[in-house]
Amino acid sequence: MPRPTADQIRAKIRAALVQEVAEKGIGSVAMGSVAKRAGVSPGTIYLHFENKDDLLQKIYLKLKAEFHATIVAPKDETDSAVMIRQMWNNMFDFVAKDPFGFLFLEAGSLSQILTEEQSRQIAHMPLEIAALLQRVIDDGTLADLPVSTVIVMLVAPAMHLARHRLLQGNTITQDELDRTFERVWLSITA
């Protein structure tokens, strides 16, 4: 059997950490538990990460970048309604593929695990999403609401459905997504 590559080992560590945080919370993360879940020795984790904070920060930053890229992928779409729906569907594609990752991002942002420098590195992400939503408000597609309100109205169902999927072990059906989006859409359109 071939030896796992460094990337494969990091992927196992990432998956283990994300599941640990989603199930137990960031404050309960222990390197030994992550190692056991990943099927590696604790020393192996230290070959890839300096310490627990470095592990949390690097995985958070990578997941955050992946999530952001997924959300803003349709930013060049000229039809505002289509762009918002694609952003929504992309968000749920991410949630469906990695519900633990989505919950890890939520826990990480609430726990403020990043250094000031790391926070500056990703500060453009929410601003870019806010600018896209403001563009859609300005063109009259969305109601003249504060962007922060629109964000909450779009993201809260994703958080709820991700938690539901984890707790119930159910998948999110396309019908459920479509019905939920239509309800959210009614509440935010002009």
Protein backbone atom coordinates (compact mmCIF):
# COMPACT_ATOMS: atom_id res chain seq x y z
CA MET A 1 0.00 0.00 0.00
CA PRO A 2 1.48 3.37 -0.94
CA ARG A 3 2.36 5.79 1.80
CA PRO A 4 -0.07 8.76 2.11
CA THR A 5 1.16 12.06 0.74
CA ALA A 6 1.52 15.17 2.88
CA ASP A 7 -1.61 16.57 1.23
CA GLN A 8 -3.58 13.43 2.05
CA ILE A 9 -2.43 13.56 5.67
CA ARG A 10 -3.37 17.26 5.95
CA ALA A 11 -6.78 16.44 4.45
CA LYS A 12 -7.33 13.75 7.10
CA ILE A 13 -6.28 16.14 9.86
CA ARG A 14 -8.55 18.85 8.45
CA ALA A 15 -11.55 16.51 8.29
CA ALA A 16 -10.90 15.32 11.84
CA LEU A 17 -10.53 18.85 13.23
CA VAL A 18 -13.62 20.11 11.46
CA GLN A 19 -15.70 17.22 12.81
CA GLU A 20 -14.32 17.70 16.32
CA VAL A 21 -15.22 21.39 16.30
CA ALA A 22 -18.66 20.80 14.78
CA GLU A 23 -19.47 18.16 17.36
CA LYS A 24 -17.76 19.50 20.49
CA GLY A 25 -16.95 23.17 19.93
CA ILE A 26 -13.64 24.91 19.53
CA GLY A 27 -12.96 25.10 23.25
CA SER A 28 -13.06 21.31 23.54
CA VAL A 29 -10.57 20.57 20.76
CA ALA A 30 -7.63 18.47 21.88
CA MET A 31 -4.75 17.51 19.60
CA GLY A 32 -4.96 13.90 20.79
CA SER A 33 -8.63 13.65 19.83
CA VAL A 34 -7.97 15.17 16.43
CA ALA A 35 -5.07 12.77 15.86
CA LYS A 36 -7.14 9.76 16.90
CA ARG A 37 -10.02 10.76 14.63
CA ALA A 38 -7.61 11.40 11.74
CA GLY A 39 -5.87 8.06 12.28
CA VAL A 40 -2.47 9.67 12.78
CA SER A 41 -0.17 10.18 15.73
CA PRO A 42 -0.22 13.51 17.57
CA GLY A 43 3.37 13.98 16.44
CA THR A 44 2.22 13.81 12.83
CA ILE A 45 -0.03 16.80 13.39
CA TYR A 46 2.96 18.75 14.70
CA LEU A 47 4.83 18.00 11.49
CA HIS A 48 2.17 20.01 9.65
CA PHE A 49 1.07 22.57 12.24
CA GLU A 50 2.98 24.39 14.98
CA ASN A 51 0.33 24.02 17.68
CA LYS A 52 -3.44 23.91 18.21
CA ASP A 53 -3.89 27.60 17.39
CA ASP A 54 -1.93 27.22 14.15
CA LEU A 55 -4.03 24.16 13.26
CA LEU A 56 -7.30 26.00 13.89
CA GLN A 57 -6.18 29.15 12.12
CA LYS A 58 -4.77 27.54 8.98
CA ILE A 59 -7.72 25.25 8.48
CA TYR A 60 -10.16 28.08 9.14
CA LEU A 61 -8.40 30.33 6.61
CA LYS A 62 -8.38 27.60 3.96
CA LEU A 63 -12.04 26.74 4.47
CA LYS A 64 -12.99 30.42 4.54
CA ALA A 65 -11.23 31.00 1.21
CA GLU A 66 -12.95 27.96 -0.33
CA PHE A 67 -16.36 29.04 0.96
CA HIS A 68 -15.89 32.61 -0.21
CA ALA A 69 -14.78 31.53 -3.68
CA THR A 70 -17.84 29.29 -3.90
CA ILE A 71 -20.22 32.07 -2.89
CA VAL A 72 -18.84 34.80 -5.19
CA ALA A 73 -18.28 32.55 -8.21
CA PRO A 74 -21.31 34.03 -10.06
CA LYS A 75 -20.23 37.65 -9.42
CA ASP A 76 -19.95 38.37 -13.16
CA GLU A 77 -23.53 37.26 -13.85
CA THR A 78 -25.36 40.25 -15.35
CA ASP A 79 -28.87 39.21 -14.27
CA SER A 80 -29.03 40.14 -10.58
CA ALA A 81 -31.76 37.66 -9.72
CA VAL A 82 -29.82 34.84 -11.38
CA MET A 83 -26.65 35.89 -9.56
CA ILE A 84 -28.35 35.82 -6.13
CA ARG A 85 -29.92 32.43 -6.82
CA GLN A 86 -26.54 31.04 -7.98
CA MET A 87 -24.85 32.44 -4.87
CA TRP A 88 -27.56 30.75 -2.75
CA ASN A 89 -27.23 27.45 -4.59
CA ASN A 90 -23.44 27.61 -4.37
CA MET A 91 -23.71 28.19 -0.61
CA PHE A 92 -25.87 25.10 -0.30
CA ASP A 93 -23.59 23.08 -2.55
CA PHE A 94 -20.82 23.88 -0.07
CA VAL A 95 -23.07 23.01 2.89
CA ALA A 96 -24.16 19.75 1.27
CA LYS A 97 -20.59 18.72 0.48
CA ASP A 98 -19.10 19.83 3.79
CA PRO A 99 -21.69 20.51 6.50
CA PHE A 100 -19.05 20.10 9.21
CA GLY A 101 -16.88 22.64 7.40
CA PHE A 102 -19.74 25.11 7.27
CA LEU A 103 -20.34 24.75 11.01
CA PHE A 104 -16.59 24.97 11.66
CA LEU A 105 -16.56 28.33 9.85
CA GLU A 106 -19.40 29.56 12.04
CA ALA A 107 -17.68 28.39 15.23
CA GLY A 108 -14.35 29.84 14.12
CA SER A 109 -15.78 33.25 13.37
CA LEU A 110 -17.62 33.37 16.70
CA SER A 111 -14.51 32.29 18.61
CA GLN A 112 -12.26 34.85 16.98
CA ILE A 113 -9.42 32.38 16.48
CA LEU A 114 -7.49 34.49 13.99
CA THR A 115 -4.66 36.89 14.69
CA GLU A 116 -5.11 40.53 13.68
CA GLU A 117 -2.95 39.95 10.61
CA GLN A 118 -4.98 36.91 9.57
CA SER A 119 -8.20 38.86 10.07
CA ARG A 120 -6.86 41.57 7.76
CA GLN A 121 -6.06 38.93 5.13
CA ILE A 122 -9.70 37.93 4.88
CA ALA A 123 -11.33 41.29 5.61
CA HIS A 124 -12.10 41.76 1.90
CA MET A 125 -14.35 38.69 1.80
CA PRO A 126 -17.45 40.00 3.60
CA LEU A 127 -16.94 43.37 1.92
CA GLU A 128 -17.01 41.74 -1.52
CA ILE A 129 -20.23 39.89 -0.72
CA ALA A 130 -21.76 43.04 0.75
CA ALA A 131 -20.80 44.98 -2.40
CA LEU A 132 -22.48 42.35 -4.61
CA LEU A 133 -25.65 42.54 -2.54
CA GLN A 134 -25.56 46.34 -2.51
CA ARG A 135 -25.29 46.27 -6.31
CA VAL A 136 -28.46 44.17 -6.44
CA ILE A 137 -30.22 46.51 -4.01
CA ASP A 138 -29.12 49.51 -6.08
CA ASP A 139 -30.46 48.02 -9.31
CA GLY A 140 -33.86 47.53 -7.67
CA THR A 141 -33.88 43.73 -7.63
CA LEU A 142 -33.70 43.53 -3.84
CA ALA A 143 -35.65 45.60 -1.35
CA ASP A 144 -33.95 48.68 0.04
CA LEU A 145 -32.86 46.96 3.24
CA PRO A 146 -29.55 47.17 5.06
CA VAL A 147 -27.10 44.75 3.44
CA SER A 148 -26.49 43.14 6.82
CA THR A 149 -30.20 42.30 7.03
CA VAL A 150 -30.18 40.74 3.56
CA ILE A 151 -27.13 38.67 4.51
CA VAL A 152 -28.84 37.34 7.63
CA MET A 153 -31.99 36.52 5.67
CA LEU A 154 -29.95 34.55 3.12
CA VAL A 155 -27.49 32.84 5.46
CA ALA A 156 -29.70 31.90 8.43
CA PRO A 157 -31.54 29.16 6.48
CA ALA A 158 -28.20 27.67 5.41
CA MET A 159 -27.02 27.53 9.01
CA HIS A 160 -30.30 25.96 10.12
CA LEU A 161 -30.31 23.38 7.34
CA ALA A 162 -26.65 22.49 7.93
CA ARG A 163 -27.31 21.91 11.62
CA HIS A 164 -30.45 19.93 10.80
CA ARG A 165 -28.52 17.74 8.37
CA LEU A 166 -25.89 16.97 10.99
CA LEU A 167 -28.28 16.36 13.84
CA GLN A 168 -30.83 14.34 11.89
CA GLY A 169 -28.44 12.70 9.44
CA ASN A 170 -30.67 13.81 6.55
CA THR A 171 -29.70 15.28 3.25
CA ILE A 172 -31.06 18.60 2.05
CA THR A 173 -33.29 17.95 -0.93
CA GLN A 174 -33.35 20.22 -3.97
CA ASP A 175 -37.09 20.68 -3.42
CA GLU A 176 -36.44 21.90 0.13
CA LEU A 177 -33.77 24.29 -1.14
CA ASP A 178 -36.03 25.64 -3.87
CA ARG A 179 -39.00 26.13 -1.53
CA THR A 180 -36.80 27.80 1.09
CA PHE A 181 -35.19 30.07 -1.48
CA GLU A 182 -38.60 31.13 -2.84
CA ARG A 183 -39.71 32.11 0.68
CA VAL A 184 -36.49 34.00 1.37
CA TRP A 185 -36.69 35.62 -2.07
CA LEU A 186 -40.20 36.90 -1.32
CA SER A 187 -38.91 38.56 1.82
CA ILE A 188 -35.93 40.34 0.23
CA THR A 189 -37.09 41.34 -3.25
CA ALA A 190 -38.22 44.83 -4.09
